[in-house]
Amino acid sequence: MISSHLIRRILQQYALPPKGTHGLSHWARVLENGRVLAPRTGAKIEVVELFAVFHDSRRVNEGWDDDHGGRGAELAARLRGAGFHLDDGDFDLLREACREHTRGFTAGDITVQTCWDADRLDLGRVGIATEIQYLCTEPAKESAVIAWAERRARGRTIPPLVKKEWDQPLEER
């Protein structure tokens, strides 16, 4: 589980509004997407959860920001050991998932693929429909999973975990 302490550490350096398009509610939906997918794909849940909060954590704008995933991986490296613990192999997976999440890749380690799918299932928040050819795992390609995720993304659902697990206010600003 992602601690409220880790979220506060990430938000201390987050350049955008926490309630914005790539902020807390997006991270939480990606986390929930990952929690749905990981048990079915066999992905390492700790990596999937950390990906959710680091992959967009170093964006400098809400539009195109080509290297934000790499910067998110760098932040994870700086906070490793203080905000969370992963062995070297799992940390390499987290770093890869963050760095490459916008490149459109679909092949790779199942944990990395699950991370990418968890994020891609939330593209509806910016008006982009989920396209099966960009999803990596069979569970993510299921019509019921896509419909559930798109409904939440387009509605900009704020998952309760934002308050319950991260101790952050639920309301949008």
N, C-alpha and C. Protein backbone atom coordinates (compact mmCIF):
# COMPACT_ATOMS: atom_id res chain seq x y z
N MET A 1 0.84 -1.18 0.00
CA MET A 1 0.00 0.00 0.00
C MET A 1 0.89 1.25 0.00
N ILE A 2 0.45 2.25 -0.72
CA ILE A 2 1.16 3.52 -0.80
C ILE A 2 0.82 4.34 0.44
N SER A 3 1.82 4.79 1.16
CA SER A 3 1.58 5.53 2.40
C SER A 3 1.27 7.00 2.14
N SER A 4 0.56 7.60 3.08
CA SER A 4 0.28 9.03 2.99
C SER A 4 1.59 9.82 3.06
N HIS A 5 2.56 9.30 3.78
CA HIS A 5 3.87 9.94 3.86
C HIS A 5 4.53 10.02 2.48
N LEU A 6 4.48 8.92 1.73
CA LEU A 6 5.06 8.92 0.38
C LEU A 6 4.32 9.91 -0.52
N ILE A 7 3.00 9.93 -0.45
CA ILE A 7 2.23 10.88 -1.26
C ILE A 7 2.63 12.31 -0.93
N ARG A 8 2.76 12.63 0.34
CA ARG A 8 3.18 13.99 0.73
C ARG A 8 4.56 14.31 0.17
N ARG A 9 5.48 13.35 0.21
CA ARG A 9 6.83 13.58 -0.33
C ARG A 9 6.77 13.85 -1.84
N ILE A 10 5.95 13.09 -2.55
CA ILE A 10 5.82 13.30 -3.99
C ILE A 10 5.18 14.66 -4.27
N LEU A 11 4.13 15.00 -3.54
CA LEU A 11 3.43 16.27 -3.78
C LEU A 11 4.30 17.49 -3.44
N GLN A 12 5.26 17.34 -2.56
CA GLN A 12 6.14 18.46 -2.21
C GLN A 12 6.89 18.99 -3.42
N GLN A 13 7.16 18.14 -4.38
CA GLN A 13 7.91 18.58 -5.56
C GLN A 13 7.05 18.58 -6.83
N TYR A 14 5.76 18.22 -6.71
CA TYR A 14 4.88 18.14 -7.88
C TYR A 14 4.61 19.54 -8.42
N ALA A 15 4.89 19.77 -9.69
CA ALA A 15 4.83 21.11 -10.28
C ALA A 15 3.43 21.53 -10.70
N LEU A 16 2.50 20.61 -10.79
CA LEU A 16 1.16 20.90 -11.29
C LEU A 16 0.15 20.89 -10.15
N PRO A 17 -1.07 21.35 -10.42
CA PRO A 17 -2.10 21.27 -9.36
C PRO A 17 -2.39 19.81 -9.01
N PRO A 18 -2.36 19.46 -7.74
CA PRO A 18 -2.62 18.07 -7.34
C PRO A 18 -3.97 17.55 -7.82
N LYS A 19 -4.92 18.43 -8.03
CA LYS A 19 -6.26 18.02 -8.47
C LYS A 19 -6.40 18.10 -9.98
N GLY A 20 -5.30 18.30 -10.70
CA GLY A 20 -5.34 18.43 -12.14
C GLY A 20 -5.46 17.10 -12.87
N THR A 21 -5.43 17.18 -14.18
CA THR A 21 -5.61 16.03 -15.07
C THR A 21 -4.65 14.88 -14.79
N HIS A 22 -3.41 15.20 -14.44
CA HIS A 22 -2.39 14.16 -14.21
C HIS A 22 -2.04 14.01 -12.73
N GLY A 23 -2.91 14.49 -11.85
CA GLY A 23 -2.63 14.49 -10.43
C GLY A 23 -3.25 13.35 -9.65
N LEU A 24 -3.59 13.63 -8.41
CA LEU A 24 -4.01 12.62 -7.44
C LEU A 24 -5.13 11.69 -7.90
N SER A 25 -6.20 12.23 -8.46
CA SER A 25 -7.30 11.35 -8.83
C SER A 25 -6.89 10.41 -9.97
N HIS A 26 -6.05 10.90 -10.90
CA HIS A 26 -5.52 10.04 -11.96
C HIS A 26 -4.65 8.95 -11.35
N TRP A 27 -3.74 9.32 -10.46
CA TRP A 27 -2.86 8.33 -9.83
C TRP A 27 -3.70 7.26 -9.13
N ALA A 28 -4.76 7.71 -8.44
CA ALA A 28 -5.59 6.76 -7.69
C ALA A 28 -6.38 5.84 -8.63
N ARG A 29 -6.89 6.38 -9.74
CA ARG A 29 -7.58 5.49 -10.70
C ARG A 29 -6.60 4.49 -11.31
N VAL A 30 -5.39 4.94 -11.63
CA VAL A 30 -4.38 4.01 -12.16
C VAL A 30 -4.07 2.95 -11.11
N LEU A 31 -3.96 3.34 -9.87
CA LEU A 31 -3.72 2.39 -8.79
C LEU A 31 -4.85 1.36 -8.71
N GLU A 32 -6.09 1.84 -8.74
CA GLU A 32 -7.22 0.89 -8.68
C GLU A 32 -7.26 0.00 -9.93
N ASN A 33 -6.98 0.58 -11.09
CA ASN A 33 -6.91 -0.25 -12.31
C ASN A 33 -5.87 -1.35 -12.12
N GLY A 34 -4.72 -0.97 -11.60
CA GLY A 34 -3.65 -1.95 -11.37
C GLY A 34 -4.04 -3.01 -10.36
N ARG A 35 -4.77 -2.61 -9.34
CA ARG A 35 -5.22 -3.57 -8.33
C ARG A 35 -6.23 -4.56 -8.90
N VAL A 36 -6.97 -4.15 -9.90
CA VAL A 36 -7.90 -5.06 -10.58
C VAL A 36 -7.12 -6.02 -11.49
N LEU A 37 -6.13 -5.48 -12.21
CA LEU A 37 -5.40 -6.28 -13.20
C LEU A 37 -4.36 -7.21 -12.59
N ALA A 38 -3.59 -6.75 -11.62
CA ALA A 38 -2.42 -7.50 -11.13
C ALA A 38 -2.73 -8.91 -10.65
N PRO A 39 -3.81 -9.13 -9.89
CA PRO A 39 -4.07 -10.51 -9.47
C PRO A 39 -4.36 -11.45 -10.65
N ARG A 40 -4.84 -10.88 -11.72
CA ARG A 40 -5.19 -11.69 -12.89
C ARG A 40 -4.02 -11.87 -13.84
N THR A 41 -3.05 -10.94 -13.82
CA THR A 41 -1.90 -11.05 -14.73
C THR A 41 -0.70 -11.69 -14.06
N GLY A 42 -0.68 -11.69 -12.74
CA GLY A 42 0.49 -12.18 -12.01
C GLY A 42 1.54 -11.12 -11.81
N ALA A 43 1.19 -9.87 -12.06
CA ALA A 43 2.13 -8.76 -11.89
C ALA A 43 2.48 -8.56 -10.41
N LYS A 44 3.63 -7.97 -10.18
CA LYS A 44 4.07 -7.65 -8.83
C LYS A 44 3.35 -6.39 -8.37
N ILE A 45 2.41 -6.56 -7.45
CA ILE A 45 1.52 -5.48 -7.05
C ILE A 45 2.27 -4.28 -6.48
N GLU A 46 3.37 -4.50 -5.77
CA GLU A 46 4.12 -3.38 -5.20
C GLU A 46 4.63 -2.47 -6.30
N VAL A 47 5.12 -3.05 -7.38
CA VAL A 47 5.63 -2.27 -8.52
C VAL A 47 4.47 -1.52 -9.19
N VAL A 48 3.37 -2.21 -9.40
CA VAL A 48 2.20 -1.60 -10.05
C VAL A 48 1.70 -0.42 -9.23
N GLU A 49 1.62 -0.56 -7.92
CA GLU A 49 1.15 0.53 -7.08
C GLU A 49 2.11 1.71 -7.09
N LEU A 50 3.40 1.44 -7.04
CA LEU A 50 4.37 2.54 -7.07
C LEU A 50 4.38 3.23 -8.43
N PHE A 51 4.21 2.47 -9.49
CA PHE A 51 4.10 3.07 -10.82
C PHE A 51 2.96 4.10 -10.85
N ALA A 52 1.84 3.75 -10.25
CA ALA A 52 0.67 4.63 -10.27
C ALA A 52 1.00 6.02 -9.74
N VAL A 53 1.81 6.11 -8.71
CA VAL A 53 2.09 7.42 -8.12
C VAL A 53 3.35 8.09 -8.66
N PHE A 54 4.22 7.36 -9.32
CA PHE A 54 5.44 7.97 -9.85
C PHE A 54 5.38 8.30 -11.34
N HIS A 55 4.59 7.60 -12.14
CA HIS A 55 4.69 7.72 -13.59
C HIS A 55 4.44 9.13 -14.11
N ASP A 56 3.55 9.90 -13.48
CA ASP A 56 3.27 11.28 -13.90
C ASP A 56 3.71 12.30 -12.85
N SER A 57 4.47 11.88 -11.87
CA SER A 57 4.81 12.73 -10.73
C SER A 57 5.74 13.89 -11.05
N ARG A 58 6.39 13.84 -12.18
CA ARG A 58 7.36 14.90 -12.53
C ARG A 58 6.99 15.61 -13.83
N ARG A 59 5.72 15.61 -14.16
CA ARG A 59 5.27 16.37 -15.33
C ARG A 59 5.50 17.85 -15.07
N VAL A 60 5.76 18.60 -16.14
CA VAL A 60 5.91 20.05 -16.02
C VAL A 60 4.74 20.79 -16.67
N ASN A 61 3.86 20.04 -17.35
CA ASN A 61 2.64 20.63 -17.89
C ASN A 61 1.61 19.52 -18.08
N GLU A 62 0.38 19.93 -18.38
CA GLU A 62 -0.71 18.97 -18.57
C GLU A 62 -0.78 18.47 -20.02
N GLY A 63 0.02 19.06 -20.92
CA GLY A 63 0.02 18.65 -22.32
C GLY A 63 1.14 17.65 -22.59
N TRP A 64 1.77 17.79 -23.74
CA TRP A 64 2.85 16.87 -24.12
C TRP A 64 4.09 17.20 -23.31
N ASP A 65 4.65 16.21 -22.68
CA ASP A 65 5.85 16.36 -21.84
C ASP A 65 6.65 15.08 -22.01
N ASP A 66 7.49 15.05 -23.02
CA ASP A 66 8.12 13.83 -23.51
C ASP A 66 8.89 13.03 -22.48
N ASP A 67 9.61 13.67 -21.58
CA ASP A 67 10.48 12.91 -20.67
C ASP A 67 9.96 12.85 -19.24
N HIS A 68 8.67 13.09 -19.05
CA HIS A 68 8.17 13.10 -17.68
C HIS A 68 8.28 11.73 -17.01
N GLY A 69 8.15 10.66 -17.77
CA GLY A 69 8.28 9.32 -17.19
C GLY A 69 9.68 9.06 -16.67
N GLY A 70 10.68 9.51 -17.42
CA GLY A 70 12.07 9.38 -16.97
C GLY A 70 12.32 10.18 -15.70
N ARG A 71 11.75 11.38 -15.65
CA ARG A 71 11.91 12.19 -14.44
C ARG A 71 11.17 11.55 -13.26
N GLY A 72 10.03 10.92 -13.52
CA GLY A 72 9.32 10.20 -12.46
C GLY A 72 10.15 9.04 -11.92
N ALA A 73 10.83 8.33 -12.83
CA ALA A 73 11.72 7.24 -12.41
C ALA A 73 12.88 7.78 -11.57
N GLU A 74 13.39 8.95 -11.92
CA GLU A 74 14.47 9.56 -11.13
C GLU A 74 13.98 9.93 -9.73
N LEU A 75 12.76 10.45 -9.64
CA LEU A 75 12.20 10.77 -8.31
C LEU A 75 12.06 9.49 -7.49
N ALA A 76 11.59 8.43 -8.12
CA ALA A 76 11.48 7.15 -7.41
C ALA A 76 12.84 6.71 -6.88
N ALA A 77 13.88 6.90 -7.68
CA ALA A 77 15.23 6.53 -7.23
C ALA A 77 15.65 7.36 -6.02
N ARG A 78 15.30 8.64 -6.03
CA ARG A 78 15.66 9.50 -4.89
C ARG A 78 14.91 9.12 -3.62
N LEU A 79 13.65 8.69 -3.76
CA LEU A 79 12.84 8.37 -2.58
C LEU A 79 12.96 6.91 -2.15
N ARG A 80 13.59 6.10 -2.97
CA ARG A 80 13.75 4.68 -2.64
C ARG A 80 14.54 4.56 -1.34
N GLY A 81 14.01 3.75 -0.44
CA GLY A 81 14.67 3.56 0.85
C GLY A 81 14.12 4.48 1.92
N ALA A 82 13.64 5.65 1.52
CA ALA A 82 13.06 6.58 2.49
C ALA A 82 11.53 6.51 2.45
N GLY A 83 10.96 6.42 1.26
CA GLY A 83 9.51 6.39 1.13
C GLY A 83 8.94 5.03 0.81
N PHE A 84 9.79 4.14 0.32
CA PHE A 84 9.37 2.79 -0.03
C PHE A 84 10.61 1.92 -0.20
N HIS A 85 10.39 0.61 -0.25
CA HIS A 85 11.48 -0.34 -0.42
C HIS A 85 11.13 -1.32 -1.53
N LEU A 86 12.05 -1.52 -2.45
CA LEU A 86 11.95 -2.54 -3.50
C LEU A 86 13.33 -3.14 -3.70
N ASP A 87 13.39 -4.43 -4.00
CA ASP A 87 14.69 -5.00 -4.33
C ASP A 87 15.11 -4.48 -5.72
N ASP A 88 16.36 -4.72 -6.08
CA ASP A 88 16.90 -4.16 -7.32
C ASP A 88 16.12 -4.60 -8.56
N GLY A 89 15.75 -5.86 -8.63
CA GLY A 89 15.01 -6.35 -9.80
C GLY A 89 13.66 -5.68 -9.95
N ASP A 90 12.93 -5.56 -8.84
CA ASP A 90 11.63 -4.91 -8.90
C ASP A 90 11.77 -3.42 -9.17
N PHE A 91 12.82 -2.81 -8.63
CA PHE A 91 13.02 -1.39 -8.92
C PHE A 91 13.33 -1.16 -10.40
N ASP A 92 14.07 -2.07 -11.00
CA ASP A 92 14.33 -1.97 -12.45
C ASP A 92 13.04 -2.03 -13.25
N LEU A 93 12.09 -2.85 -12.81
CA LEU A 93 10.79 -2.92 -13.48
C LEU A 93 10.03 -1.61 -13.33
N LEU A 94 10.05 -1.04 -12.14
CA LEU A 94 9.38 0.24 -11.91
C LEU A 94 9.99 1.33 -12.79
N ARG A 95 11.30 1.37 -12.83
CA ARG A 95 11.99 2.38 -13.63
C ARG A 95 11.61 2.22 -15.12
N GLU A 96 11.62 0.99 -15.62
CA GLU A 96 11.26 0.76 -17.02
C GLU A 96 9.82 1.16 -17.29
N ALA A 97 8.91 0.76 -16.41
CA ALA A 97 7.50 1.09 -16.60
C ALA A 97 7.29 2.61 -16.66
N CYS A 98 7.93 3.35 -15.77
CA CYS A 98 7.79 4.80 -15.77
C CYS A 98 8.40 5.42 -17.02
N ARG A 99 9.63 5.05 -17.33
CA ARG A 99 10.34 5.65 -18.46
C ARG A 99 9.63 5.44 -19.78
N GLU A 100 9.06 4.27 -19.97
CA GLU A 100 8.53 3.89 -21.28
C GLU A 100 7.01 3.97 -21.40
N HIS A 101 6.31 4.48 -20.40
CA HIS A 101 4.85 4.35 -20.40
C HIS A 101 4.14 5.14 -21.50
N THR A 102 4.77 6.11 -22.10
CA THR A 102 4.12 6.89 -23.17
C THR A 102 4.56 6.46 -24.56
N ARG A 103 5.41 5.47 -24.66
CA ARG A 103 5.99 5.10 -25.95
C ARG A 103 5.09 4.19 -26.80
N GLY A 104 4.03 3.67 -26.21
CA GLY A 104 3.11 2.82 -26.97
C GLY A 104 3.54 1.38 -27.08
N PHE A 105 4.56 0.98 -26.33
CA PHE A 105 5.00 -0.41 -26.35
C PHE A 105 3.92 -1.30 -25.75
N THR A 106 3.90 -2.56 -26.21
CA THR A 106 2.95 -3.53 -25.65
C THR A 106 3.64 -4.82 -25.22
N ALA A 107 4.91 -4.97 -25.52
CA ALA A 107 5.64 -6.19 -25.16
C ALA A 107 6.59 -5.90 -24.01
N GLY A 108 6.79 -6.91 -23.16
CA GLY A 108 7.72 -6.76 -22.06
C GLY A 108 7.32 -7.63 -20.89
N ASP A 109 7.95 -7.39 -19.77
CA ASP A 109 7.65 -8.10 -18.54
C ASP A 109 6.18 -7.89 -18.17
N ILE A 110 5.52 -8.89 -17.65
CA ILE A 110 4.11 -8.82 -17.32
C ILE A 110 3.80 -7.73 -16.30
N THR A 111 4.71 -7.46 -15.40
CA THR A 111 4.49 -6.38 -14.43
C THR A 111 4.52 -5.03 -15.13
N VAL A 112 5.45 -4.83 -16.01
CA VAL A 112 5.54 -3.59 -16.77
C VAL A 112 4.30 -3.42 -17.65
N GLN A 113 3.90 -4.50 -18.31
CA GLN A 113 2.70 -4.44 -19.15
C GLN A 113 1.46 -4.08 -18.32
N THR A 114 1.36 -4.62 -17.13
CA THR A 114 0.23 -4.32 -16.26
C THR A 114 0.24 -2.85 -15.85
N CYS A 115 1.40 -2.31 -15.57
CA CYS A 115 1.52 -0.88 -15.27
C CYS A 115 1.00 -0.04 -16.43
N TRP A 116 1.48 -0.34 -17.62
CA TRP A 116 1.07 0.42 -18.80
C TRP A 116 -0.43 0.33 -19.02
N ASP A 117 -1.00 -0.87 -18.88
CA ASP A 117 -2.44 -1.02 -19.06
C ASP A 117 -3.22 -0.23 -18.01
N ALA A 118 -2.75 -0.25 -16.77
CA ALA A 118 -3.44 0.49 -15.71
C ALA A 118 -3.54 1.97 -16.06
N ASP A 119 -2.49 2.52 -16.65
CA ASP A 119 -2.49 3.92 -17.06
C ASP A 119 -3.33 4.13 -18.31
N ARG A 120 -3.17 3.29 -19.30
CA ARG A 120 -3.90 3.46 -20.57
C ARG A 120 -5.40 3.32 -20.39
N LEU A 121 -5.83 2.56 -19.41
CA LEU A 121 -7.25 2.44 -19.13
C LEU A 121 -7.85 3.72 -18.56
N ASP A 122 -7.02 4.71 -18.24
CA ASP A 122 -7.51 5.99 -17.71
C ASP A 122 -7.39 7.12 -18.73
N LEU A 123 -7.15 6.81 -19.97
CA LEU A 123 -7.03 7.85 -21.00
C LEU A 123 -8.35 8.58 -21.27
N GLY A 124 -9.46 7.99 -20.90
CA GLY A 124 -10.75 8.64 -21.09
C GLY A 124 -10.85 9.99 -20.39
N ARG A 125 -10.05 10.21 -19.37
CA ARG A 125 -10.09 11.48 -18.64
C ARG A 125 -9.68 12.64 -19.53
N VAL A 126 -8.93 12.37 -20.60
CA VAL A 126 -8.51 13.42 -21.54
C VAL A 126 -9.20 13.24 -22.89
N GLY A 127 -10.29 12.48 -22.91
CA GLY A 127 -11.09 12.32 -24.12
C GLY A 127 -10.55 11.33 -25.13
N ILE A 128 -9.61 10.49 -24.72
CA ILE A 128 -9.05 9.48 -25.63
C ILE A 128 -9.68 8.14 -25.30
N ALA A 129 -10.31 7.55 -26.29
CA ALA A 129 -10.93 6.23 -26.09
C ALA A 129 -9.86 5.16 -25.97
N THR A 130 -10.12 4.17 -25.14
CA THR A 130 -9.21 3.04 -24.98
C THR A 130 -9.22 2.22 -26.27
N GLU A 131 -8.03 1.96 -26.81
CA GLU A 131 -7.90 1.16 -28.02
C GLU A 131 -7.19 -0.13 -27.67
N ILE A 132 -7.86 -1.24 -27.96
CA ILE A 132 -7.37 -2.56 -27.57
C ILE A 132 -5.95 -2.84 -28.07
N GLN A 133 -5.61 -2.36 -29.26
CA GLN A 133 -4.28 -2.66 -29.81
C GLN A 133 -3.15 -2.03 -28.98
N TYR A 134 -3.48 -1.07 -28.12
CA TYR A 134 -2.46 -0.47 -27.27
C TYR A 134 -2.44 -1.07 -25.86
N LEU A 135 -3.32 -2.02 -25.60
CA LEU A 135 -3.32 -2.71 -24.31
C LEU A 135 -2.46 -3.96 -24.42
N CYS A 136 -1.85 -4.33 -23.32
CA CYS A 136 -0.87 -5.41 -23.31
C CYS A 136 -1.41 -6.74 -22.82
N THR A 137 -2.29 -6.70 -21.84
CA THR A 137 -2.71 -7.92 -21.15
C THR A 137 -4.14 -8.29 -21.50
N GLU A 138 -4.41 -9.58 -21.45
CA GLU A 138 -5.76 -10.06 -21.76
C GLU A 138 -6.82 -9.51 -20.81
N PRO A 139 -6.57 -9.46 -19.50
CA PRO A 139 -7.60 -8.89 -18.61
C PRO A 139 -7.94 -7.44 -18.95
N ALA A 140 -6.97 -6.64 -19.35
CA ALA A 140 -7.23 -5.24 -19.69
C ALA A 140 -8.06 -5.10 -20.96
N LYS A 141 -7.99 -6.10 -21.83
CA LYS A 141 -8.70 -6.05 -23.10
C LYS A 141 -10.17 -6.48 -22.99
N GLU A 142 -10.57 -6.98 -21.84
CA GLU A 142 -11.95 -7.42 -21.66
C GLU A 142 -12.90 -6.22 -21.71
N SER A 143 -13.98 -6.38 -22.43
CA SER A 143 -14.92 -5.27 -22.62
C SER A 143 -15.46 -4.74 -21.29
N ALA A 144 -15.71 -5.61 -20.33
CA ALA A 144 -16.23 -5.16 -19.04
C ALA A 144 -15.19 -4.31 -18.29
N VAL A 145 -13.93 -4.69 -18.36
CA VAL A 145 -12.86 -3.92 -17.71
C VAL A 145 -12.72 -2.56 -18.39
N ILE A 146 -12.71 -2.54 -19.71
CA ILE A 146 -12.60 -1.27 -20.45
C ILE A 146 -13.78 -0.36 -20.12
N ALA A 147 -14.99 -0.89 -20.13
CA ALA A 147 -16.18 -0.08 -19.84
C ALA A 147 -16.12 0.49 -18.43
N TRP A 148 -15.74 -0.34 -17.45
CA TRP A 148 -15.63 0.12 -16.06
C TRP A 148 -14.60 1.24 -15.94
N ALA A 149 -13.43 1.03 -16.53
CA ALA A 149 -12.36 2.02 -16.42
C ALA A 149 -12.71 3.30 -17.17
N GLU A 150 -13.28 3.18 -18.35
CA GLU A 150 -13.64 4.38 -19.12
C GLU A 150 -14.71 5.20 -18.41
N ARG A 151 -15.68 4.55 -17.83
CA ARG A 151 -16.74 5.25 -17.10
C ARG A 151 -16.12 6.08 -15.96
N ARG A 152 -15.19 5.48 -15.25
CA ARG A 152 -14.52 6.17 -14.14
C ARG A 152 -13.64 7.30 -14.65
N ALA A 153 -12.91 7.04 -15.75
CA ALA A 153 -12.00 8.05 -16.30
C ALA A 153 -12.77 9.25 -16.83
N ARG A 154 -13.77 8.99 -17.66
CA ARG A 154 -14.55 10.08 -18.26
C ARG A 154 -15.31 10.87 -17.20
N GLY A 155 -15.76 10.19 -16.16
CA GLY A 155 -16.44 10.86 -15.07
C GLY A 155 -15.50 11.51 -14.07
N ARG A 156 -14.20 11.31 -14.30
CA ARG A 156 -13.17 11.84 -13.40
C ARG A 156 -13.45 11.45 -11.95
N THR A 157 -13.81 10.19 -11.78
CA THR A 157 -14.08 9.64 -10.46
C THR A 157 -12.88 9.84 -9.55
N ILE A 158 -13.16 10.27 -8.34
CA ILE A 158 -12.11 10.40 -7.33
C ILE A 158 -12.24 9.19 -6.41
N PRO A 159 -11.34 8.22 -6.55
CA PRO A 159 -11.44 7.02 -5.71
C PRO A 159 -11.33 7.35 -4.23
N PRO A 160 -12.12 6.67 -3.41
CA PRO A 160 -12.07 6.91 -1.96
C PRO A 160 -10.68 6.72 -1.35
N LEU A 161 -9.81 5.94 -1.99
CA LEU A 161 -8.48 5.73 -1.43
C LEU A 161 -7.68 7.02 -1.30
N VAL A 162 -8.06 8.04 -2.07
CA VAL A 162 -7.37 9.33 -1.97
C VAL A 162 -7.46 9.84 -0.54
N LYS A 163 -8.63 9.71 0.07
CA LYS A 163 -8.81 10.13 1.45
C LYS A 163 -8.43 9.03 2.43
N LYS A 164 -8.90 7.81 2.17
CA LYS A 164 -8.72 6.72 3.13
C LYS A 164 -7.28 6.27 3.30
N GLU A 165 -6.55 6.15 2.19
CA GLU A 165 -5.17 5.65 2.25
C GLU A 165 -4.13 6.76 2.21
N TRP A 166 -4.44 7.83 1.47
CA TRP A 166 -3.45 8.88 1.26
C TRP A 166 -3.68 10.11 2.12
N ASP A 167 -4.83 10.18 2.81
CA ASP A 167 -5.18 11.29 3.68
C ASP A 167 -5.15 12.64 2.93
N GLN A 168 -5.69 12.62 1.72
CA GLN A 168 -5.80 13.83 0.91
C GLN A 168 -7.28 14.15 0.73
N PRO A 169 -7.63 15.44 0.59
CA PRO A 169 -9.04 15.80 0.40
C PRO A 169 -9.59 15.19 -0.89
N LEU A 170 -10.86 14.81 -0.87
CA LEU A 170 -11.50 14.18 -2.03
C LEU A 170 -12.00 15.18 -3.06
N GLU A 171 -12.41 16.33 -2.66
CA GLU A 171 -13.05 17.25 -3.60
C GLU A 171 -12.06 17.81 -4.62
N GLU A 172 -12.58 18.05 -5.81
CA GLU A 172 -11.78 18.68 -6.87
C GLU A 172 -11.74 20.18 -6.61
N ARG A 173 -10.68 20.83 -7.03
CA ARG A 173 -10.59 22.28 -6.90
C ARG A 173 -10.87 22.93 -8.21
